Amino acid sequence: MANRDTIAAIATPPGVGGIGVIRLSGSLALSIGESLIQGSLPVRQVRFRRFYDASQQVLDHGICFYCPEPHSFSGEDVVEIQAHGGPVLLDMLLERVCELGARLARAGEFSERAFLNGKLDLAQAEAIADLIESGSRAAAKAAMRSLEGEFSARIRHLVEDIIGLRVYTESALDFAEEEIDFLADANISEKLLDCQQAIEQVLQQAEQGRILKDGLSLVLAGLPNAGKSSLLNHLAGYEAAIVTDIPGTTRDVIHEHISLKGIPIKVRDTAGLRDSDNPVEREGIKRAWQEINKADAVLLLVDASQGITPDDEAIIQQLDSVNYQLVYSKCDLLTDRGRRNKKANYISVHSGEGLEALINQITGEVQDFNQDNQTILARRRHIEALQRARQGLMQARQVFNDTGSGELMAEDLRQVQQDLNEITGEFNTEDLLGQIFSRFCIGK
């Protein structure tokens, strides 16, 4: 894909460093690079050169190289300049290459051009940003698998299966006069179910990858004075929340981003769940339930010295299908250890008892995500597309089983294929691309 302009950007983070990189991509990249060094740049050979300004004064000296299209990252002519990493110096070099005909790149524009020029698909392009922003080793490994094309390969395999079903379905519709008995093929329902189960497997792995990328959302819930804020302070490592003996001290949701055993975790300390006439406290309780209903995991704290009260029972009934773990706090106040609930955790922030075991439990499942090297670092839009595709297949199977209507099933399968292709960018809109690449850093 030909581009009329040549883009340039500082590709290294802001601040002072030993090296700073300026990247150029486009049809004028070579001529700009050669004008900057006042010499030639051989193909794919690193050269040490001086960099000159418009008045022939030396701005700096460093390393540069030229990679011609289509063999570069972006698929265009690319020149990279490695200078000393001073912010003022890099700004002077960037200003000079712009004087020579380049323009400043938009956020993510290099990766966008790589996608538009067929160097990588959309899921791989997004994996670049995810790899850079990885908050843990597990997330970095999962992002690299996506960048290497594993996620895209699974999506393409799913699409091929859907295409096979569409070909059969639409062929049966086209040749209905040949007395092909479409309803007699009992394998259709089985194939639809196989595709649905395959999507569910990828969706599960994508959900795990989403947690690795965004962090595990963990909510601390329970009655007032159940020990939620004390536990938050212990996990955060500082006094993030006010702790008093007065019930209802926490009135709003307190957000803390922490790392436990290398796993990014978003902890939410919530208002105590109880009936209240105070409008401020009622709003805090409302927000607490909102956080509980969208959390990946919930720790329901119960004061061990009080045991499970009727009010605790009421909360448990409201939790219903929420993924929660029962945690007895203040267990140092217990004298009878034999009566402990073996299915619950017992902790004491005061003595430290049970805290390490609780942390291991919180992080253990997430750490296991990468044990089989199958987890893929997915984004929310990937998960939503997979969910739509799964729903479409469920609908197609139900339509086939109930009515045998090939026309309706064919339309459902067409939509499923489009939902899956949105992940890799086979079908896209300019608005979608703009939203995705605008979140990249400048120079990538």
Protein backbone atom coordinates (compact mmCIF):
# COMPACT_ATOMS: atom_id res chain seq x y z
CA MET A 1 0.00 0.00 0.00
CA ALA A 2 1.59 3.27 -1.12
CA ASN A 3 1.59 6.24 1.26
CA ARG A 4 2.00 9.79 0.07
CA ASP A 5 3.83 11.00 3.17
CA THR A 6 6.71 9.90 5.33
CA ILE A 7 6.23 9.77 9.07
CA ALA A 8 8.75 10.24 11.86
CA ALA A 9 8.70 9.86 15.63
CA ILE A 10 10.89 9.36 18.67
CA ALA A 11 10.48 5.64 19.38
CA THR A 12 12.06 5.58 22.84
CA PRO A 13 10.34 6.69 26.08
CA PRO A 14 10.51 10.32 27.23
CA GLY A 15 13.37 11.22 29.55
CA VAL A 16 17.15 11.08 29.63
CA GLY A 17 18.88 7.86 28.50
CA GLY A 18 22.02 6.54 26.91
CA ILE A 19 20.28 5.99 23.55
CA GLY A 20 17.34 7.60 21.83
CA VAL A 21 15.79 6.24 18.63
CA ILE A 22 14.08 8.17 15.85
CA ARG A 23 12.13 6.11 13.33
CA LEU A 24 11.10 7.13 9.81
CA SER A 25 8.76 5.25 7.48
CA GLY A 26 7.61 6.10 3.98
CA SER A 27 8.79 6.83 0.47
CA LEU A 28 11.12 9.69 1.53
CA ALA A 29 12.73 7.85 4.44
CA LEU A 30 15.94 7.03 2.56
CA SER A 31 16.46 10.50 1.08
CA ILE A 32 15.78 12.13 4.46
CA GLY A 33 18.21 9.79 6.19
CA GLU A 34 20.93 10.40 3.61
CA SER A 35 20.41 14.17 3.84
CA LEU A 36 20.70 14.00 7.63
CA ILE A 37 24.04 12.15 7.49
CA GLN A 38 25.16 13.78 4.22
CA GLY A 39 26.11 10.43 2.79
CA SER A 40 24.70 7.15 1.55
CA LEU A 41 22.89 4.48 3.51
CA PRO A 42 23.48 0.95 2.20
CA VAL A 43 20.65 -1.56 2.43
CA ARG A 44 20.36 -3.37 5.78
CA GLN A 45 23.81 -2.34 6.98
CA VAL A 46 24.44 -0.49 10.22
CA ARG A 47 26.60 2.62 9.90
CA PHE A 48 28.11 5.04 12.42
CA ARG A 49 27.55 8.58 11.11
CA ARG A 50 27.34 12.24 12.10
CA PHE A 51 23.95 13.97 11.97
CA TYR A 52 23.87 17.48 10.51
CA ASP A 53 21.46 20.39 10.81
CA ALA A 54 20.49 22.78 7.98
CA SER A 55 23.58 24.95 8.54
CA GLN A 56 25.92 21.95 8.29
CA GLN A 57 26.60 21.92 12.03
CA VAL A 58 26.90 18.54 13.70
CA LEU A 59 23.90 17.85 15.91
CA ASP A 60 25.11 14.48 17.17
CA HIS A 61 26.64 11.24 15.99
CA GLY A 62 25.37 7.70 16.30
CA ILE A 63 24.10 4.65 14.45
CA CYS A 64 21.68 4.51 11.54
CA PHE A 65 20.41 1.88 9.13
CA TYR A 66 18.05 1.56 6.19
CA CYS A 67 15.59 -1.26 5.48
CA PRO A 68 13.77 -1.11 2.12
CA GLU A 69 10.16 -2.04 1.46
CA PRO A 70 8.58 -4.58 1.75
CA HIS A 71 11.01 -6.16 4.20
CA SER A 72 10.66 -3.65 7.03
CA PHE A 73 8.31 -3.69 10.01
CA SER A 74 5.87 -1.28 8.38
CA GLY A 75 6.23 -2.72 4.87
CA GLU A 76 7.63 0.64 3.66
CA ASP A 77 11.11 2.10 3.39
CA VAL A 78 12.30 2.54 6.99
CA VAL A 79 15.26 4.41 8.44
CA GLU A 80 16.15 4.27 12.13
CA ILE A 81 18.52 6.68 13.82
CA GLN A 82 20.11 5.89 17.17
CA ALA A 83 21.46 9.00 18.84
CA HIS A 84 22.26 9.95 22.41
CA GLY A 85 19.15 9.92 24.56
CA GLY A 86 18.77 13.55 25.58
CA PRO A 87 15.24 14.98 25.15
CA VAL A 88 16.44 18.30 23.70
CA LEU A 89 18.81 16.55 21.29
CA LEU A 90 16.15 14.15 20.08
CA ASP A 91 13.72 17.03 19.56
CA MET A 92 16.35 18.80 17.44
CA LEU A 93 16.88 15.67 15.33
CA LEU A 94 13.15 15.13 14.93
CA GLU A 95 12.71 18.77 13.91
CA ARG A 96 15.46 18.33 11.32
CA VAL A 97 13.95 15.23 9.69
CA CYS A 98 10.61 17.05 9.52
CA GLU A 99 12.36 19.97 7.78
CA LEU A 100 13.62 17.43 5.25
CA GLY A 101 10.11 16.25 4.36
CA ALA A 102 8.73 14.01 7.09
CA ARG A 103 5.74 14.71 9.32
CA LEU A 104 5.14 13.74 12.92
CA ALA A 105 3.54 10.32 13.24
CA ARG A 106 0.26 9.77 15.00
CA ALA A 107 0.04 7.36 17.93
CA GLY A 108 0.36 3.81 16.63
CA GLU A 109 0.78 4.87 13.01
CA PHE A 110 3.81 2.65 12.34
CA SER A 111 1.88 -0.43 13.49
CA GLU A 112 -1.20 0.75 11.59
CA ARG A 113 0.83 0.93 8.37
CA ALA A 114 2.24 -2.54 9.09
CA PHE A 115 -1.34 -3.80 9.32
CA LEU A 116 -2.51 -1.95 6.20
CA ASN A 117 0.50 -3.24 4.27
CA GLY A 118 -0.21 -6.85 5.25
CA LYS A 119 2.82 -7.32 7.51
CA LEU A 120 0.64 -8.46 10.40
CA ASP A 121 -3.04 -8.78 11.19
CA LEU A 122 -5.01 -6.70 13.65
CA ALA A 123 -4.67 -9.08 16.59
CA GLN A 124 -0.89 -9.19 16.09
CA ALA A 125 -0.70 -5.40 15.86
CA GLU A 126 -2.57 -5.05 19.14
CA ALA A 127 -0.26 -7.64 20.71
CA ILE A 128 2.67 -5.25 20.15
CA ALA A 129 1.12 -2.68 22.46
CA ASP A 130 0.12 -5.41 24.91
CA LEU A 131 3.68 -6.77 24.99
CA ILE A 132 5.08 -3.30 25.73
CA GLU A 133 2.51 -2.70 28.47
CA SER A 134 2.72 -6.18 30.06
CA GLY A 135 2.40 -6.01 33.83
CA SER A 136 3.81 -9.47 34.52
CA ARG A 137 5.96 -12.17 32.97
CA ALA A 138 2.90 -14.31 32.32
CA ALA A 139 1.26 -11.41 30.46
CA ALA A 140 4.43 -10.81 28.41
CA LYS A 141 4.62 -14.48 27.38
CA ALA A 142 0.94 -14.52 26.42
CA ALA A 143 1.34 -11.29 24.42
CA MET A 144 4.31 -12.76 22.54
CA ARG A 145 2.26 -15.80 21.59
CA SER A 146 -0.37 -13.48 20.14
CA LEU A 147 2.32 -11.48 18.34
CA GLU A 148 3.73 -14.71 16.90
CA GLY A 149 0.29 -15.38 15.42
CA GLU A 150 -1.03 -18.17 17.66
CA PHE A 151 -4.25 -16.32 18.52
CA SER A 152 -4.82 -15.38 14.87
CA ALA A 153 -4.20 -18.97 13.77
CA ARG A 154 -6.90 -20.22 16.14
CA ILE A 155 -9.33 -17.61 14.85
CA ARG A 156 -8.55 -18.51 11.22
CA HIS A 157 -9.10 -22.19 12.01
CA LEU A 158 -12.51 -21.33 13.47
CA VAL A 159 -13.33 -19.25 10.39
CA GLU A 160 -12.38 -22.13 8.10
CA ASP A 161 -14.79 -24.41 9.98
CA ILE A 162 -17.57 -21.82 9.65
CA ILE A 163 -16.82 -21.39 5.95
CA GLY A 164 -17.10 -25.16 5.49
CA LEU A 165 -20.54 -25.13 7.09
CA ARG A 166 -21.59 -22.12 5.01
CA VAL A 167 -20.48 -23.79 1.78
CA TYR A 168 -22.50 -26.91 2.55
CA THR A 169 -25.55 -24.96 3.70
CA GLU A 170 -25.65 -22.55 0.78
CA SER A 171 -24.92 -25.32 -1.72
CA ALA A 172 -27.90 -27.24 -0.39
CA LEU A 173 -30.03 -24.12 -0.84
CA ASP A 174 -28.76 -23.48 -4.38
CA PHE A 175 -29.47 -27.04 -5.51
CA ALA A 176 -32.73 -27.66 -3.71
CA GLU A 177 -34.30 -28.83 -7.00
CA GLU A 178 -31.78 -31.70 -7.12
CA GLU A 179 -33.63 -33.25 -4.17
CA ILE A 180 -30.71 -32.98 -1.79
CA ASP A 181 -32.21 -33.87 1.56
CA PHE A 182 -30.68 -31.18 3.76
CA LEU A 183 -32.55 -32.32 6.86
CA ALA A 184 -31.27 -35.86 6.48
CA ASP A 185 -27.68 -34.85 7.24
CA ALA A 186 -27.56 -35.42 10.99
CA ASN A 187 -23.91 -34.27 11.09
CA ILE A 188 -24.88 -30.63 10.65
CA SER A 189 -26.06 -30.25 14.25
CA GLU A 190 -22.95 -32.04 15.49
CA LYS A 191 -20.66 -29.80 13.43
CA LEU A 192 -22.40 -26.71 14.76
CA LEU A 193 -21.91 -28.00 18.30
CA ASP A 194 -18.23 -28.75 17.61
CA CYS A 195 -17.71 -25.19 16.35
CA GLN A 196 -19.52 -23.77 19.35
CA GLN A 197 -17.36 -25.77 21.77
CA ALA A 198 -14.19 -24.71 19.92
CA ILE A 199 -15.19 -21.05 20.26
CA GLU A 200 -15.96 -21.56 23.95
CA GLN A 201 -12.46 -22.98 24.47
CA VAL A 202 -10.83 -20.00 22.76
CA LEU A 203 -13.13 -17.67 24.69
CA GLN A 204 -12.06 -19.21 27.99
CA GLN A 205 -8.38 -18.75 27.08
CA ALA A 206 -9.10 -15.18 25.96
CA GLU A 207 -10.85 -14.42 29.27
CA GLN A 208 -7.77 -15.68 31.09
CA GLY A 209 -5.60 -13.50 28.89
CA ARG A 210 -7.80 -10.50 29.59
CA ILE A 211 -7.15 -10.99 33.31
CA LEU A 212 -3.39 -11.25 32.67
CA LYS A 213 -3.54 -8.02 30.67
CA ASP A 214 -5.91 -5.87 32.72
CA GLY A 215 -5.31 -7.45 36.11
CA LEU A 216 -7.53 -9.55 38.36
CA SER A 217 -10.46 -7.56 39.69
CA LEU A 218 -10.79 -8.43 43.39
CA VAL A 219 -13.52 -7.00 45.63
CA LEU A 220 -13.47 -7.03 49.43
CA ALA A 221 -17.05 -7.27 50.70
CA GLY A 222 -18.89 -7.88 53.96
CA LEU A 223 -20.62 -6.24 56.88
CA PRO A 224 -19.22 -3.08 58.49
CA ASN A 225 -16.16 -3.76 60.67
CA ALA A 226 -15.57 -7.16 59.04
CA GLY A 227 -11.90 -6.27 58.47
CA LYS A 228 -12.04 -5.26 54.80
CA SER A 229 -10.04 -2.05 55.13
CA SER A 230 -7.40 -3.71 57.32
CA LEU A 231 -6.92 -6.41 54.69
CA LEU A 232 -6.70 -3.78 51.94
CA ASN A 233 -4.00 -1.92 53.86
CA HIS A 234 -2.03 -5.14 54.32
CA LEU A 235 -2.22 -6.03 50.62
CA ALA A 236 -1.37 -2.47 49.52
CA GLY A 237 1.51 -2.18 51.97
CA TYR A 238 0.40 1.17 53.35
CA GLU A 239 -2.61 2.86 55.01
CA ALA A 240 -4.78 3.13 51.92
CA ALA A 241 -8.04 3.09 53.91
CA ILE A 242 -9.04 4.55 57.27
CA VAL A 243 -9.49 1.86 59.92
CA THR A 244 -11.55 2.59 63.05
CA ASP A 245 -13.86 0.75 65.44
CA ILE A 246 -16.77 2.83 64.17
CA PRO A 247 -18.98 0.78 61.79
CA GLY A 248 -19.46 2.24 58.32
CA THR A 249 -16.18 4.18 58.12
CA THR A 250 -15.78 3.32 54.43
CA ARG A 251 -18.53 5.06 52.48
CA ASP A 252 -17.19 4.81 48.92
CA VAL A 253 -15.24 2.31 46.84
CA ILE A 254 -11.48 2.54 47.42
CA HIS A 255 -9.40 1.49 44.41
CA GLU A 256 -5.87 0.12 44.72
CA HIS A 257 -3.67 -1.37 41.99
CA ILE A 258 -1.18 -3.80 43.46
CA SER A 259 0.99 -6.73 42.40
CA LEU A 260 0.91 -10.05 44.21
CA LYS A 261 3.49 -12.64 43.17
CA GLY A 262 3.89 -10.86 39.83
CA ILE A 263 0.14 -10.80 39.10
CA PRO A 264 -1.47 -7.34 38.63
CA ILE A 265 -4.54 -7.06 40.84
CA LYS A 266 -7.14 -4.31 41.09
CA VAL A 267 -8.41 -4.39 44.67
CA ARG A 268 -11.70 -2.69 45.60
CA ASP A 269 -12.51 -2.03 49.26
CA THR A 270 -16.25 -1.42 49.53
CA ALA A 271 -18.71 0.04 51.98
CA GLY A 272 -20.11 -2.30 54.61
CA LEU A 273 -23.21 -4.08 53.36
CA ARG A 274 -26.12 -3.32 55.68
CA ASP A 275 -29.43 -1.49 55.80
CA SER A 276 -28.92 2.21 56.34
CA ASP A 277 -31.01 5.40 56.47
CA ASN A 278 -27.97 7.53 55.63
CA PRO A 279 -28.20 8.56 51.94
CA VAL A 280 -24.40 8.75 51.60
CA GLU A 281 -23.93 5.28 53.03
CA ARG A 282 -26.77 3.91 50.88
CA GLU A 283 -25.03 5.22 47.77
CA GLY A 284 -21.77 3.60 48.92
CA ILE A 285 -23.57 0.26 49.40
CA LYS A 286 -25.13 0.58 45.93
CA ARG A 287 -21.67 1.10 44.43
CA ALA A 288 -20.35 -1.84 46.44
CA TRP A 289 -22.87 -4.19 44.83
CA GLN A 290 -22.02 -2.79 41.39
CA GLU A 291 -18.35 -3.66 41.98
CA ILE A 292 -19.25 -7.11 43.33
CA ASN A 293 -21.35 -7.98 40.28
CA LYS A 294 -18.57 -7.18 37.79
CA ALA A 295 -15.58 -8.52 39.76
CA ASP A 296 -13.46 -11.51 38.75
CA ALA A 297 -13.35 -12.63 42.38
CA VAL A 298 -14.93 -11.54 45.68
CA LEU A 299 -13.63 -12.07 49.19
CA LEU A 300 -16.56 -12.08 51.61
CA LEU A 301 -15.12 -11.16 54.99
CA VAL A 302 -16.81 -12.32 58.20
CA ASP A 303 -15.71 -11.34 61.70
CA ALA A 304 -14.49 -14.67 63.11
CA SER A 305 -15.21 -13.56 66.68
CA GLN A 306 -18.89 -13.09 65.76
CA GLY A 307 -19.31 -15.96 63.31
CA ILE A 308 -21.83 -15.93 60.48
CA THR A 309 -24.74 -13.78 61.57
CA PRO A 310 -28.19 -13.53 59.96
CA ASP A 311 -26.97 -10.38 58.23
CA ASP A 312 -24.04 -12.37 56.76
CA GLU A 313 -26.49 -15.03 55.60
CA ALA A 314 -28.52 -12.37 53.82
CA ILE A 315 -25.41 -11.17 51.97
CA ILE A 316 -24.53 -14.75 50.96
CA GLN A 317 -28.02 -15.23 49.51
CA GLN A 318 -27.66 -12.02 47.49
CA LEU A 319 -24.28 -13.09 46.14
CA ASP A 320 -26.05 -15.98 44.38
CA SER A 321 -23.85 -16.99 41.41
CA VAL A 322 -21.02 -14.54 42.16
CA ASN A 323 -17.58 -16.14 42.42
CA TYR A 324 -16.83 -15.48 46.08
CA GLN A 325 -14.59 -16.96 48.76
CA LEU A 326 -15.52 -16.91 52.43
CA VAL A 327 -12.80 -15.36 54.62
CA TYR A 328 -12.97 -15.21 58.41
CA SER A 329 -11.02 -12.19 59.66
CA LYS A 330 -9.67 -11.46 63.16
CA CYS A 331 -9.06 -15.19 63.68
CA ASP A 332 -6.53 -14.34 66.42
CA LEU A 333 -9.57 -13.68 68.65
CA LEU A 334 -10.74 -17.30 68.30
CA THR A 335 -9.90 -19.78 71.04
CA ASP A 336 -11.59 -22.91 69.66
CA ARG A 337 -9.69 -23.85 66.47
CA GLY A 338 -11.51 -27.18 66.15
CA ARG A 339 -14.74 -25.52 65.10
CA ARG A 340 -13.31 -23.79 62.05
CA ASN A 341 -15.00 -24.04 58.64
CA LYS A 342 -12.64 -26.14 56.56
CA LYS A 343 -13.93 -24.59 53.29
CA ALA A 344 -13.08 -21.03 54.38
CA ASN A 345 -9.90 -19.02 54.89
CA TYR A 346 -8.99 -17.75 58.34
CA ILE A 347 -6.78 -14.66 58.55
CA SER A 348 -5.51 -12.17 61.06
CA VAL A 349 -3.95 -8.94 59.91
CA HIS A 350 -2.79 -8.42 63.52
CA SER A 351 -0.85 -11.72 63.84
CA GLY A 352 -0.30 -12.44 60.14
CA GLU A 353 -1.96 -15.83 60.36
CA GLY A 354 -3.42 -17.16 57.09
CA LEU A 355 -2.43 -14.15 54.97
CA GLU A 356 0.18 -15.95 52.88
CA ALA A 357 -2.22 -18.82 52.21
CA LEU A 358 -4.91 -16.34 51.13
CA ILE A 359 -2.52 -14.56 48.76
CA ASN A 360 -1.49 -17.90 47.28
CA GLN A 361 -5.14 -18.74 46.72
CA ILE A 362 -5.84 -15.37 45.06
CA THR A 363 -2.90 -15.63 42.69
CA GLY A 364 -2.76 -19.40 42.23
CA GLU A 365 -5.46 -19.71 39.60
CA VAL A 366 -4.07 -16.84 37.55
CA GLN A 367 -0.53 -18.22 37.76
CA ASP A 368 -1.86 -21.53 36.42
CA PHE A 369 -3.23 -19.80 33.31
CA ASN A 370 0.12 -20.04 31.53
CA GLN A 371 1.15 -23.52 32.64
CA ASP A 372 -0.02 -25.11 29.39
CA ASN A 373 1.21 -22.22 27.21
CA GLN A 374 -2.29 -21.85 25.78
CA THR A 375 -3.39 -18.55 27.31
CA ILE A 376 -3.64 -15.72 24.79
CA LEU A 377 -3.51 -12.06 25.71
CA ALA A 378 -6.89 -10.82 24.55
CA ARG A 379 -8.65 -7.49 24.65
CA ARG A 380 -12.20 -6.69 25.59
CA ARG A 381 -13.20 -6.31 21.92
CA HIS A 382 -11.82 -9.80 21.16
CA ILE A 383 -13.89 -11.30 23.96
CA GLU A 384 -17.02 -9.46 22.85
CA ALA A 385 -16.54 -10.69 19.26
CA LEU A 386 -16.08 -14.28 20.48
CA GLN A 387 -19.17 -13.99 22.66
CA ARG A 388 -21.23 -12.76 19.69
CA ALA A 389 -19.88 -15.60 17.56
CA ARG A 390 -20.76 -18.16 20.22
CA GLN A 391 -24.26 -16.73 20.54
CA GLY A 392 -24.65 -16.80 16.75
CA LEU A 393 -23.68 -20.46 16.59
CA MET A 394 -26.08 -21.33 19.42
CA GLN A 395 -28.82 -19.56 17.52
CA ALA A 396 -27.92 -21.28 14.23
CA ARG A 397 -28.00 -24.69 15.91
CA GLN A 398 -31.34 -23.99 17.56
CA VAL A 399 -32.84 -22.79 14.26
CA PHE A 400 -31.60 -25.91 12.48
CA ASN A 401 -32.86 -28.28 15.17
CA ASP A 402 -36.24 -26.56 15.47
CA THR A 403 -37.06 -25.71 11.87
CA GLY A 404 -34.41 -27.08 9.55
CA SER A 405 -34.37 -23.65 7.88
CA GLY A 406 -31.24 -23.41 5.77
CA GLU A 407 -31.86 -19.76 4.90
CA LEU A 408 -31.93 -18.60 8.53
CA MET A 409 -28.97 -20.75 9.50
CA ALA A 410 -26.93 -19.47 6.56
CA GLU A 411 -27.47 -15.88 7.70
CA ASP A 412 -26.45 -16.73 11.27
CA LEU A 413 -23.27 -18.40 10.01
CA ARG A 414 -22.44 -15.40 7.82
CA GLN A 415 -22.67 -13.14 10.88
CA VAL A 416 -20.55 -15.53 12.96
CA GLN A 417 -17.83 -15.44 10.31
CA GLN A 418 -17.89 -11.65 10.28
CA ASP A 419 -17.69 -11.48 14.09
CA LEU A 420 -14.59 -13.70 14.08
CA ASN A 421 -12.97 -11.81 11.21
CA GLU A 422 -13.27 -8.57 13.17
CA ILE A 423 -10.63 -9.94 15.54
CA THR A 424 -7.94 -10.26 12.87
CA GLY A 425 -9.16 -7.33 10.77
CA GLU A 426 -10.47 -9.20 7.75
CA PHE A 427 -13.54 -7.01 8.02
CA ASN A 428 -12.98 -3.61 9.56
CA THR A 429 -14.05 -0.01 9.51
CA GLU A 430 -11.92 3.11 9.67
CA ASP A 431 -13.55 3.98 13.00
CA LEU A 432 -12.47 0.64 14.49
CA LEU A 433 -8.88 1.08 13.29
CA GLY A 434 -8.80 4.62 14.61
CA GLN A 435 -9.93 3.52 18.06
CA ILE A 436 -7.39 0.69 18.22
CA PHE A 437 -4.24 2.42 17.01
CA SER A 438 -4.89 5.72 18.80
CA ARG A 439 -4.16 3.90 22.08
CA PHE A 440 -0.63 2.94 20.96
CA CYS A 441 2.39 4.96 22.01
CA ILE A 442 3.97 7.43 19.61
CA GLY A 443 6.68 5.81 17.48
CA LYS A 444 5.14 2.33 17.53
